[in-house]
Protein backbone atom coordinates (compact mmCIF):
# COMPACT_ATOMS: atom_id res chain seq x y z
CA UNK A 1 31.00 -7.72 5.77
CA UNK A 2 28.13 -8.12 8.34
CA UNK A 3 26.62 -11.64 7.63
CA UNK A 4 22.93 -9.98 7.90
CA UNK A 5 23.82 -8.37 4.59
CA UNK A 6 25.42 -11.49 2.67
CA UNK A 7 23.85 -12.39 -0.61
CA UNK A 8 21.27 -15.36 -0.85
CA UNK A 9 22.14 -18.23 -3.23
CA UNK A 10 20.33 -18.28 -6.34
CA UNK A 11 18.29 -15.35 -5.47
CA UNK A 12 18.29 -11.66 -5.79
CA UNK A 13 17.99 -9.31 -2.92
CA UNK A 14 16.08 -6.15 -3.04
CA UNK A 15 16.36 -3.32 -0.47
CA UNK A 16 13.57 -1.22 -0.66
CA UNK A 17 10.29 0.17 0.87
CA UNK A 18 6.61 -0.15 0.51
CA UNK A 19 6.17 3.71 0.59
CA UNK A 20 9.25 4.10 -1.76
CA UNK A 21 8.23 5.59 -5.29
CA UNK A 22 11.05 3.65 -6.99
CA UNK A 23 10.97 0.51 -5.02
CA UNK A 24 7.74 -0.21 -6.40
CA UNK A 25 9.16 -0.10 -9.88
CA UNK A 26 11.83 -2.62 -9.22
CA UNK A 27 9.39 -4.86 -7.30
CA UNK A 28 6.93 -4.89 -9.89
CA UNK A 29 9.41 -5.86 -12.44
CA UNK A 30 10.95 -8.82 -10.52
CA UNK A 31 7.46 -10.06 -9.88
CA UNK A 32 6.14 -9.82 -13.60
CA UNK A 33 9.45 -11.42 -14.85
CA UNK A 34 9.28 -14.23 -12.34
CA UNK A 35 12.65 -13.57 -11.00
CA UNK A 36 13.43 -15.17 -7.61
CA UNK A 37 14.04 -12.62 -5.06
CA UNK A 38 13.63 -11.71 -1.29
CA UNK A 39 13.11 -8.15 -0.16
CA UNK A 40 14.93 -6.91 2.79
CA UNK A 41 13.88 -3.63 4.77
CA UNK A 42 15.84 -0.53 4.14
CA UNK A 43 15.92 0.41 7.79
CA UNK A 44 18.48 2.85 9.26
CA UNK A 45 21.10 0.02 9.88
CA UNK A 46 20.85 -1.09 6.54
CA UNK A 47 21.61 2.20 5.00
CA UNK A 48 24.42 2.63 7.42
CA UNK A 49 25.90 -0.80 7.07
CA UNK A 50 25.01 -1.88 3.65
CA UNK A 51 23.56 0.51 1.32
CA UNK A 52 25.89 3.61 1.54
CA UNK A 53 28.84 1.56 1.94
CA UNK A 54 28.02 -0.59 -1.25
CA UNK A 55 26.79 2.33 -3.38
CA UNK A 56 28.08 5.48 -2.20
CA UNK A 57 24.62 7.22 -2.27
CA UNK A 58 21.64 7.00 0.07
CA UNK A 59 18.96 6.00 -2.64
CA UNK A 60 16.78 3.04 -2.57
CA UNK A 61 16.03 0.54 -4.03
CA UNK A 62 19.02 -1.46 -4.55
CA UNK A 63 19.39 -5.00 -5.51
CA UNK A 64 22.18 -7.50 -4.54
CA UNK A 65 22.93 -10.42 -6.71
CA UNK A 66 23.86 -13.84 -5.41
CA UNK A 67 27.35 -13.06 -6.55
CA UNK A 68 27.16 -9.96 -4.08
CA UNK A 69 27.09 -7.32 -6.83
CA UNK A 70 25.01 -4.39 -5.90
CA UNK A 71 23.22 -2.54 -8.48
CA UNK A 72 21.52 0.91 -7.88
CA UNK A 73 19.12 2.87 -10.08
CA UNK A 74 15.94 1.15 -11.25
CA UNK A 75 16.73 1.64 -14.92
CA UNK A 76 20.07 0.27 -14.58
CA UNK A 77 18.68 -2.75 -12.40
CA UNK A 78 16.17 -3.61 -14.91
CA UNK A 79 18.67 -3.49 -18.06
CA UNK A 80 21.02 -5.59 -16.21
CA UNK A 81 18.60 -8.15 -15.31
CA UNK A 82 17.20 -8.16 -18.66
CA UNK A 83 20.46 -9.43 -19.96
CA UNK A 84 20.31 -12.36 -17.46
CA UNK A 85 16.78 -13.08 -18.05
CA UNK A 86 16.21 -12.53 -21.81
CA UNK A 87 12.85 -14.55 -21.97
CA UNK A 88 9.78 -12.34 -22.48
CA UNK A 89 11.66 -9.18 -22.53
CA UNK A 90 10.09 -5.68 -21.51
CA UNK A 91 11.36 -3.84 -24.29
CA UNK A 92 9.30 -4.15 -27.48
CA UNK A 93 11.40 -4.85 -30.66
CA UNK A 94 9.52 -2.89 -33.08
CA UNK A 95 10.28 0.89 -33.72
CA UNK A 96 7.10 2.67 -32.69
CA UNK A 97 6.44 0.54 -29.60
CA UNK A 98 9.99 0.58 -28.32
CA UNK A 99 10.16 4.32 -28.68
CA UNK A 100 6.78 4.75 -27.08
CA UNK A 101 7.89 2.54 -24.28
CA UNK A 102 11.12 4.36 -23.51
CA UNK A 103 9.11 7.82 -23.80
CA UNK A 104 6.72 6.65 -21.20
CA UNK A 105 9.30 5.48 -18.84
CA UNK A 106 10.72 8.99 -18.82
CA UNK A 107 7.26 10.36 -18.36
CA UNK A 108 6.47 8.08 -15.30
CA UNK A 109 9.81 8.14 -13.78
CA UNK A 110 10.35 11.84 -13.86
CA UNK A 111 7.31 14.06 -14.74
CA UNK A 112 4.63 11.90 -12.72
CA UNK A 113 6.70 12.55 -9.56
CA UNK A 114 4.82 16.02 -9.61
CA UNK A 115 1.51 14.78 -8.89
CA UNK A 116 2.83 11.87 -6.73
CA UNK A 117 4.63 14.20 -4.43
CA UNK A 118 1.57 16.70 -4.36
CA UNK A 119 -1.06 14.50 -3.57
CA UNK A 120 1.34 12.85 -0.86
CA UNK A 121 2.52 15.93 1.08
CA UNK A 122 -0.23 18.56 0.51
CA UNK A 123 -3.04 16.40 2.09
CA UNK A 124 -1.70 16.38 5.65
CA UNK A 125 -4.99 15.70 7.38
CA UNK A 126 -5.86 12.63 5.24
CA UNK A 127 -2.24 11.33 4.59
CA UNK A 128 0.23 12.35 7.39
CA UNK A 129 -0.70 9.86 10.29
CA UNK A 130 -0.44 7.00 7.75
CA UNK A 131 2.85 8.48 6.03
CA UNK A 132 4.80 9.29 9.31
CA UNK A 133 4.00 5.95 10.52
CA UNK A 134 5.25 4.28 7.58
CA UNK A 135 8.31 6.05 7.36
CA UNK A 136 9.07 5.47 11.05
CA UNK A 137 8.25 1.74 11.04
CA UNK A 138 10.72 1.23 7.81
CA UNK A 139 13.56 3.06 9.35
CA UNK A 140 13.17 1.98 12.93
CA UNK A 141 11.08 -1.47 12.67
CA UNK A 142 11.69 -2.58 16.26
CA UNK A 143 10.66 0.41 18.08
CA UNK A 144 7.40 1.37 19.71
CA UNK A 145 4.95 3.25 17.40
CA UNK A 146 5.01 6.49 19.14
CA UNK A 147 8.97 6.57 18.42
CA UNK A 148 8.26 5.50 14.93
CA UNK A 149 6.29 8.29 14.24
CA UNK A 150 8.70 10.92 15.54
CA UNK A 151 11.30 9.49 13.59
CA UNK A 152 9.06 9.27 10.72
CA UNK A 153 7.99 12.93 10.82
CA UNK A 154 11.70 13.97 10.89
CA UNK A 155 12.59 11.90 7.73
CA UNK A 156 9.38 12.49 6.02
CA UNK A 157 9.74 16.33 6.35
CA UNK A 158 13.14 15.91 4.49
CA UNK A 159 11.27 14.63 1.53
CA UNK A 160 8.38 17.18 1.87
CA UNK A 161 10.99 19.96 1.70
CA UNK A 162 11.49 18.78 -2.20
CA UNK A 163 7.83 19.63 -2.95
CA UNK A 164 8.39 23.37 -3.92
CA UNK A 165 11.60 22.48 -5.85
CA UNK A 166 9.76 20.42 -8.31
CA UNK A 167 7.34 23.58 -8.83
CA UNK A 168 4.40 22.50 -6.71
CA UNK A 169 3.15 25.70 -5.14
CA UNK A 170 -0.16 27.07 -4.23
CA UNK A 171 -0.10 28.78 -7.71
CA UNK A 172 0.60 25.69 -9.57
CA UNK A 173 -1.30 23.33 -7.54
CA UNK A 174 -4.76 23.74 -9.28
CA UNK A 175 -3.01 23.20 -12.71
CA UNK A 176 -1.33 20.10 -11.52
CA UNK A 177 -4.41 18.69 -10.20
CA UNK A 178 -6.34 19.39 -13.53
CA UNK A 179 -3.62 17.76 -15.62
CA UNK A 180 -3.56 14.68 -13.16
CA UNK A 181 -7.51 14.45 -13.37
CA UNK A 182 -7.43 14.54 -17.06
CA UNK A 183 -4.46 11.80 -17.10
CA UNK A 184 -6.81 9.56 -14.71
CA UNK A 185 -9.43 9.70 -17.23
CA UNK A 186 -7.21 8.96 -20.22
CA UNK A 187 -5.38 6.10 -18.62
CA UNK A 188 -8.94 4.67 -17.21
CA UNK A 189 -10.33 4.66 -20.75
CA UNK A 190 -7.13 2.86 -21.87
CA UNK A 191 -7.04 0.25 -19.18
CA UNK A 192 -10.64 -0.49 -19.99
CA UNK A 193 -9.62 -1.98 -23.02
CA UNK A 194 -5.83 -3.08 -22.56
CA UNK A 195 -4.09 -5.15 -19.58
CA UNK A 196 -1.05 -3.12 -19.95
CA UNK A 197 0.11 0.04 -21.77
CA UNK A 198 1.00 -1.81 -25.08
CA UNK A 199 -1.11 -4.76 -24.92
CA UNK A 200 -1.08 -7.96 -22.87
CA UNK A 201 2.45 -7.80 -21.45
CA UNK A 202 4.01 -4.97 -19.44
CA UNK A 203 6.77 -3.24 -21.09
CA UNK A 204 9.34 -0.84 -19.58
CA UNK A 205 6.68 1.93 -20.06
CA UNK A 206 4.54 0.18 -17.21
CA UNK A 207 7.22 -0.18 -14.96
CA UNK A 208 8.03 3.44 -15.31
CA UNK A 209 4.49 4.40 -14.72
CA UNK A 210 4.07 2.06 -11.77
CA UNK A 211 6.57 3.94 -9.86
CA UNK A 212 4.54 7.02 -9.05
CA UNK A 213 1.23 5.24 -9.55
CA UNK A 214 1.58 2.66 -6.77
CA UNK A 215 3.44 3.91 -3.54
CA UNK A 216 2.05 7.46 -3.74
CA UNK A 217 -1.04 7.71 -6.00
CA UNK A 218 -2.59 4.39 -5.17
CA UNK A 219 -1.49 3.34 -1.74
CA UNK A 220 -1.64 6.83 0.15
CA UNK A 221 -4.92 7.49 1.50
CA UNK A 222 -6.00 10.42 -0.41
CA UNK A 223 -4.82 9.95 -3.94
CA UNK A 224 -5.65 6.15 -3.47
CA UNK A 225 -9.20 7.09 -2.68
CA UNK A 226 -9.28 9.32 -5.83
CA UNK A 227 -7.86 6.82 -8.31
CA UNK A 228 -10.12 3.75 -6.82
CA UNK A 229 -13.38 6.03 -7.38
CA UNK A 230 -12.45 8.02 -10.64
CA UNK A 231 -10.14 5.65 -12.34
CA UNK A 232 -11.10 2.07 -11.31
CA UNK A 233 -9.62 0.56 -14.43
CA UNK A 234 -6.25 2.32 -13.55
CA UNK A 235 -6.53 0.91 -9.96
CA UNK A 236 -6.98 -2.63 -11.27
CA UNK A 237 -3.87 -2.14 -13.54
CA UNK A 238 -2.06 -1.04 -10.49
CA UNK A 239 -3.13 -4.01 -8.59
CA UNK A 240 -2.30 -6.50 -11.52
CA UNK A 241 1.41 -4.95 -11.67
CA UNK A 242 2.02 -5.15 -8.13
CA UNK A 243 0.57 -8.89 -7.88
CA UNK A 244 2.82 -11.78 -7.45
CA UNK A 245 1.71 -13.50 -10.74
CA UNK A 246 4.20 -13.57 -13.51
CA UNK A 247 3.11 -11.66 -16.48
CA UNK A 248 2.19 -13.78 -19.79
CA UNK A 249 1.18 -12.31 -23.15
CA UNK A 250 2.18 -10.28 -25.93
CA UNK A 251 2.42 -6.72 -27.25
CA UNK A 252 0.01 -5.55 -29.44
CA UNK A 253 0.58 -6.87 -32.93
CA UNK A 254 1.91 -4.85 -36.04
CA UNK A 255 3.95 -2.33 -34.00
CA UNK A 256 0.52 -0.86 -32.87
CA UNK A 257 0.26 1.90 -30.36
CA UNK A 258 -3.26 2.75 -29.32
CA UNK A 259 -4.60 6.21 -29.70
CA UNK A 260 -5.37 6.09 -25.79
CA UNK A 261 -1.69 6.05 -25.44
CA UNK A 262 -0.95 8.89 -28.18
CA UNK A 263 -3.30 11.20 -25.78
CA UNK A 264 -0.82 10.53 -22.85
CA UNK A 265 2.33 11.12 -25.36
CA UNK A 266 0.83 14.26 -26.27
CA UNK A 267 0.37 15.36 -22.76
CA UNK A 268 4.07 14.68 -22.25
CA UNK A 269 4.83 16.59 -25.45
CA UNK A 270 3.21 19.74 -23.98
CA UNK A 271 4.16 19.66 -20.33
CA UNK A 272 7.40 17.76 -19.96
CA UNK A 273 9.37 18.00 -23.06
CA UNK A 274 9.90 21.70 -22.90
CA UNK A 275 11.55 21.14 -19.64
CA UNK A 276 13.76 18.38 -20.80
CA UNK A 277 14.87 20.74 -23.84
CA UNK A 278 15.56 23.47 -21.57
CA UNK A 279 17.47 21.25 -19.15
CA UNK A 280 19.83 20.12 -21.85
CA UNK A 281 20.49 23.75 -22.90
CA UNK A 282 21.12 25.03 -19.51
CA UNK A 283 23.34 21.89 -18.70
CA UNK A 284 25.46 22.90 -21.87
CA UNK A 285 25.61 26.39 -20.90
CA UNK A 286 26.79 25.41 -17.37
CA UNK A 287 29.34 22.74 -18.47
CA UNK A 288 30.93 25.53 -20.69
CA UNK A 289 31.48 27.72 -17.65
CA UNK A 290 32.31 24.75 -15.11
CA UNK A 291 34.13 22.08 -17.16
CA UNK A 292 35.86 20.74 -14.13
CA UNK A 293 33.03 20.71 -11.63
CA UNK A 294 30.80 17.79 -10.55
CA UNK A 295 27.24 18.13 -11.78
CA UNK A 296 25.03 19.32 -8.92
CA UNK A 297 21.81 17.61 -8.28
CA UNK A 298 20.05 20.72 -9.19
CA UNK A 299 21.05 23.44 -11.56
CA UNK A 300 19.14 26.59 -10.52
CA UNK A 301 15.62 27.01 -11.60
CA UNK A 302 13.77 27.43 -14.73
CA UNK A 303 10.11 28.02 -15.99
CA UNK A 304 7.56 25.22 -16.99
CA UNK A 305 3.96 25.32 -18.06
CA UNK A 306 1.10 22.87 -16.74
CA UNK A 307 -2.42 23.55 -17.83
CA UNK A 308 -1.78 27.21 -18.77
CA UNK A 309 -0.10 27.96 -15.28
CA UNK A 310 3.60 29.06 -15.39
CA UNK A 311 5.82 28.37 -12.50
CA UNK A 312 9.40 27.92 -11.46
CA UNK A 313 10.89 24.65 -10.82
CA UNK A 314 14.45 23.16 -10.19
CA UNK A 315 16.53 22.16 -13.15
CA UNK A 316 17.23 18.42 -12.44
CA UNK A 317 20.17 17.23 -14.71
CA UNK A 318 19.56 13.40 -14.06
CA UNK A 319 16.28 13.95 -16.21
CA UNK A 320 18.54 14.43 -19.04
CA UNK A 321 20.07 10.81 -18.66
CA UNK A 322 16.49 9.37 -18.80
CA UNK A 323 15.72 11.56 -21.75
CA UNK A 324 18.85 10.32 -23.77
CA UNK A 325 17.50 6.91 -23.93
CA UNK A 326 14.56 7.46 -26.10
CA UNK A 327 16.54 10.12 -28.07
CA UNK A 328 19.24 7.58 -28.80
CA UNK A 329 17.12 4.82 -29.65
CA UNK A 330 15.34 7.09 -32.10
CA UNK A 331 18.58 8.00 -33.69
CA UNK A 332 19.62 4.37 -33.67
CA UNK A 333 16.76 3.68 -36.33
CA UNK A 334 17.36 3.41 -40.04
CA UNK A 335 16.38 6.50 -41.97
CA UNK A 336 13.64 4.72 -43.45
CA UNK A 337 12.28 3.71 -40.01
CA UNK A 338 12.46 7.32 -38.89
CA UNK A 339 10.57 8.41 -41.95
CA UNK A 340 7.86 5.91 -41.29
CA UNK A 341 7.61 7.34 -37.53
CA UNK A 342 7.53 11.16 -38.67
CA UNK A 343 3.84 11.52 -39.15
CA UNK A 344 2.97 10.06 -36.12
CA UNK A 345 5.53 11.86 -34.09
CA UNK A 346 4.40 15.20 -35.68
CA UNK A 347 0.75 14.52 -34.66
CA UNK A 348 1.78 13.74 -31.02
CA UNK A 349 4.19 16.68 -30.96
CA UNK A 350 7.58 14.96 -30.37
CA UNK A 351 9.20 15.03 -33.78
CA UNK A 352 10.84 18.31 -33.11
CA UNK A 353 12.07 17.39 -29.54
CA UNK A 354 13.70 14.16 -30.70
CA UNK A 355 15.65 16.10 -33.63
CA UNK A 356 17.05 18.74 -31.36
CA UNK A 357 20.82 17.72 -30.94
CA UNK A 358 21.87 17.18 -27.05
CA UNK A 359 25.00 19.10 -27.13
CA UNK A 360 26.42 18.04 -23.81
CA UNK A 361 25.50 14.48 -22.64
CA UNK A 362 25.52 12.83 -19.34
CA UNK A 363 26.37 9.20 -17.87
CA UNK A 364 26.13 7.43 -14.88
CA UNK A 365 29.37 6.03 -13.22
CA UNK A 366 29.54 4.53 -9.91
CA UNK A 367 26.07 5.81 -9.14
CA UNK A 368 27.26 9.25 -9.94
CA UNK A 369 25.94 11.41 -12.78
CA UNK A 370 28.81 12.84 -14.82
CA UNK A 371 29.52 14.76 -18.26
CA UNK A 372 30.17 12.17 -20.98
CA UNK A 373 32.78 13.62 -23.15
CA UNK A 374 33.47 10.48 -25.25
CA UNK A 375 29.86 9.82 -26.89
């Protein structure tokens, strides 16, 4: 193996990038937990010589342990490290807060990708000089800026081509911006009273939400200006999440979830949950017809609704793997615990969704998504 990619004694190595949405999630987690790590740039050589050979996929971030074990996928990374570093867990141990945290991770990881990608790629005058330079500087760090910009544009445009597949079109953009503006206001209200989503310590919800909120919606020029001017308390939370300081504190007492978070969960129930339910249905139908095929990254298209606007978007099976996490946790609770949560879940519009059986489940194995036949 190339010595350049050897593990570091007593430290973790994260391969990521500042402009990368999911790199921000893991970087924030490592910092808030105080886990010793170094970050190595995911340049073109790192992809060719380390990331792809070791993971089989082209995604960042990846984390390499001091024992040379390589972990890909932010949720798997965090769950693996939580076992190694159990002090100050990022998963609450009470039913309502833990379910909330798992739900908001899904919302941040999967649904807020929509405004993140929109605001990055659909404001070219404000963003593109910065974005293309960032892409180029990362993949070709030793080249002159002119060459970096050319390479950055080539790579960046591949990401940009994904935008309409998320349902981001001229028809849906006004609705996406309306929904995001309301979310900014709601989160700004919340963070004017609380340091983190569930109190004075970050949970898995905060790490799911920081993914889109940092690299795209805070750091990119145009959406960053919007957040800092319209939602300054949210911007301060982003800065707190990305700072080097280790998090110290506790979740709210008595399994409390603030009403300001209920508002966010209601938006999730209205916008994202119908997409997740339909994804489960369409995957089940696909599997009936294709029991021996690999799951494609996208499975056709389906409709979604945001702020009264209906548009088409790709069916993304991976989101079902994320949805299974809160779903499975909810069904792991004792009947009495579920009954205590019933009224609250009905109020926020999530009770029905959490009680729809998932007929065809998925799992991750060797960094690929597979049908889970044995659950």
